Amino acid sequence: MRVTISKTDSPARVMVVCAALIGFVCLVPAMSHLLALPLYKLNPMLLALLGGLLLLKDRRTVLLLAALLPIFSMVVVGMPTPGRALCMVAELLTLTALFATLEHRMPTFVALLVAMIASKVVFYGMLALTVAPAVLVGTSLWMQLGVAVSYAAIYALFSKKRS
């Protein structure tokens, strides 16, 4: 089976892709409860954002998606909390903007990994300003690093096939 990814984004295509990615993010908490697995540790918002980066050509649309993912999830599902949602918005916006800047200057894997690490620094920096340090890190940093490396490798593989 061959999947063709369009080089141009029609408004209908953008709406369908964004709705699917937002729907995915909103379904993860329900699936976590249903399966009794902590799927949030796999960073589903990052996964959805990477899907947007792969499927949508216009980076401005992906920036909008980065801002909307945590907000929609907060409103529809009640997770994350408002403070964390704002920190996640900053994280995802940082990741998208930094990756857009770096993706043509270095290998895709490296650019995405650098952007993910920098965006986590922004996230935890903002989180430290808004919540007690005792609850700063909910998922081990090693797990987050493993997820970041895995996602960067998978993204690099798929973006290479897309070219």
Protein backbone atom coordinates (compact mmCIF):
# COMPACT_ATOMS: atom_id res chain seq x y z
CA MET A 1 0.00 0.00 0.00
CA ARG A 2 1.42 3.35 -0.99
CA VAL A 3 0.51 6.56 0.82
CA THR A 4 0.88 9.80 -1.09
CA ILE A 5 1.34 13.01 0.85
CA SER A 6 0.26 16.13 -0.98
CA LYS A 7 2.76 18.94 -1.51
CA THR A 8 -0.04 21.49 -1.11
CA ASP A 9 -2.57 21.84 1.65
CA SER A 10 -6.17 22.41 0.65
CA PRO A 11 -8.33 23.98 3.38
CA ALA A 12 -10.42 20.79 3.63
CA ARG A 13 -7.30 18.65 4.01
CA VAL A 14 -5.92 20.95 6.71
CA MET A 15 -9.20 20.79 8.63
CA VAL A 16 -9.39 16.99 8.42
CA VAL A 17 -5.77 16.51 9.50
CA CYS A 18 -6.09 19.00 12.38
CA ALA A 19 -9.40 17.50 13.54
CA ALA A 20 -7.93 13.99 13.47
CA LEU A 21 -4.86 15.05 15.46
CA ILE A 22 -6.93 16.96 18.02
CA GLY A 23 -9.29 14.00 18.28
CA PHE A 24 -6.34 11.67 18.84
CA VAL A 25 -5.04 13.85 21.69
CA CYS A 26 -8.48 14.00 23.28
CA LEU A 27 -8.94 10.21 23.06
CA VAL A 28 -5.64 9.31 24.74
CA PRO A 29 -6.87 9.92 28.33
CA ALA A 30 -9.93 7.74 27.70
CA MET A 31 -7.74 5.01 26.21
CA SER A 32 -5.38 5.28 29.19
CA HIS A 33 -8.26 4.63 31.57
CA LEU A 34 -9.73 1.88 29.40
CA LEU A 35 -6.43 0.03 29.02
CA ALA A 36 -5.10 0.91 32.49
CA LEU A 37 -1.86 2.08 30.85
CA PRO A 38 -0.22 5.48 31.40
CA LEU A 39 -0.19 6.43 27.70
CA TYR A 40 0.50 10.06 28.63
CA LYS A 41 4.10 8.99 29.29
CA LEU A 42 4.47 8.52 25.54
CA ASN A 43 3.77 12.25 25.07
CA PRO A 44 0.74 12.05 22.76
CA MET A 45 0.69 15.82 22.13
CA LEU A 46 4.23 15.63 20.79
CA LEU A 47 3.23 12.66 18.64
CA ALA A 48 0.24 14.59 17.26
CA LEU A 49 2.40 17.63 16.60
CA LEU A 50 4.94 15.50 14.72
CA GLY A 51 2.04 14.12 12.68
CA GLY A 52 1.13 17.70 11.85
CA LEU A 53 4.72 18.48 10.85
CA LEU A 54 4.72 15.45 8.54
CA LEU A 55 1.28 15.93 7.03
CA LEU A 56 0.95 19.71 6.76
CA LYS A 57 3.17 21.80 4.53
CA ASP A 58 2.47 25.22 6.06
CA ARG A 59 4.42 25.64 9.31
CA ARG A 60 2.05 28.44 10.39
CA THR A 61 -0.75 25.89 10.46
CA VAL A 62 1.41 23.62 12.59
CA LEU A 63 2.11 26.53 14.96
CA LEU A 64 -1.64 27.02 15.33
CA LEU A 65 -2.04 23.30 15.95
CA ALA A 66 0.71 23.47 18.60
CA ALA A 67 -1.25 26.16 20.42
CA LEU A 68 -4.59 24.37 20.09
CA LEU A 69 -3.70 20.81 21.10
CA PRO A 70 -3.28 21.44 24.86
CA ILE A 71 -6.19 23.91 24.95
CA PHE A 72 -8.64 21.52 23.26
CA SER A 73 -7.51 18.68 25.48
CA MET A 74 -7.94 20.83 28.59
CA VAL A 75 -11.44 21.96 27.55
CA VAL A 76 -12.72 18.62 26.25
CA VAL A 77 -11.06 16.16 28.63
CA GLY A 78 -10.03 18.29 31.60
CA MET A 79 -6.39 17.27 31.20
CA PRO A 80 -3.96 18.98 31.44
CA THR A 81 -4.75 21.52 34.13
CA PRO A 82 -4.86 25.16 32.92
CA GLY A 83 -1.37 25.97 34.23
CA ARG A 84 0.18 22.92 32.61
CA ALA A 85 -1.76 23.56 29.40
CA LEU A 86 -0.15 26.99 29.05
CA CYS A 87 3.27 25.47 29.70
CA MET A 88 2.54 22.82 27.04
CA VAL A 89 1.49 25.51 24.56
CA ALA A 90 4.84 27.24 25.09
CA GLU A 91 6.67 23.91 24.76
CA LEU A 92 4.95 22.93 21.51
CA LEU A 93 5.30 26.40 20.00
CA THR A 94 9.01 26.42 20.88
CA LEU A 95 9.48 22.99 19.36
CA THR A 96 7.70 23.92 16.13
CA ALA A 97 9.45 27.28 15.69
CA LEU A 98 12.90 25.95 16.54
CA PHE A 99 12.53 22.89 14.34
CA ALA A 100 11.34 25.07 11.44
CA THR A 101 14.51 27.14 11.90
CA LEU A 102 16.89 24.20 12.20
CA GLU A 103 15.44 21.65 9.77
CA HIS A 104 17.27 23.06 6.73
CA ARG A 105 20.57 23.59 8.57
CA MET A 106 21.25 20.14 9.98
CA PRO A 107 20.07 16.56 9.65
CA THR A 108 16.38 16.11 10.45
CA PHE A 109 17.03 13.77 13.38
CA VAL A 110 19.45 16.20 15.04
CA ALA A 111 17.28 19.26 14.38
CA LEU A 112 14.21 17.61 15.86
CA LEU A 113 16.07 16.23 18.87
CA VAL A 114 17.59 19.66 19.61
CA ALA A 115 14.17 21.28 19.25
CA MET A 116 12.55 18.69 21.55
CA ILE A 117 15.19 19.10 24.24
CA ALA A 118 15.05 22.91 24.07
CA SER A 119 11.25 22.83 24.23
CA LYS A 120 11.38 20.59 27.32
CA VAL A 121 13.70 23.13 28.96
CA VAL A 122 11.10 25.82 28.22
CA PHE A 123 8.31 23.59 29.55
CA TYR A 124 10.07 22.76 32.81
CA GLY A 125 11.26 26.33 33.24
CA MET A 126 7.71 27.62 32.95
CA LEU A 127 6.39 24.79 35.11
CA ALA A 128 8.90 25.64 37.83
CA LEU A 129 7.49 29.16 37.89
CA THR A 130 3.87 28.00 38.16
CA VAL A 131 3.82 24.85 40.35
CA ALA A 132 5.62 23.52 43.41
CA PRO A 133 9.00 21.93 42.55
CA ALA A 134 7.90 18.70 44.29
CA VAL A 135 5.61 17.87 41.33
CA LEU A 136 7.82 19.28 38.61
CA VAL A 137 8.72 16.03 36.80
CA GLY A 138 5.91 13.47 36.50
CA THR A 139 7.60 11.18 33.95
CA SER A 140 11.25 10.19 34.36
CA LEU A 141 13.67 12.26 32.34
CA TRP A 142 15.19 9.04 30.93
CA MET A 143 11.78 7.97 29.66
CA GLN A 144 11.26 11.40 28.09
CA LEU A 145 14.69 11.26 26.46
CA GLY A 146 13.95 7.77 25.11
CA VAL A 147 10.62 8.94 23.70
CA ALA A 148 12.30 12.00 22.14
CA VAL A 149 15.05 9.94 20.49
CA SER A 150 12.51 7.38 19.25
CA TYR A 151 10.15 10.01 17.85
CA ALA A 152 13.01 11.92 16.21
CA ALA A 153 14.26 8.73 14.53
CA ILE A 154 10.78 7.76 13.34
CA TYR A 155 10.08 11.30 12.10
CA ALA A 156 13.43 11.40 10.25
CA LEU A 157 12.64 8.08 8.59
CA PHE A 158 9.16 9.16 7.47
CA SER A 159 10.24 12.64 6.37
CA LYS A 160 13.00 11.07 4.25
CA LYS A 161 10.44 8.80 2.54
CA ARG A 162 8.17 11.81 1.98
CA SER A 163 10.85 13.80 0.14
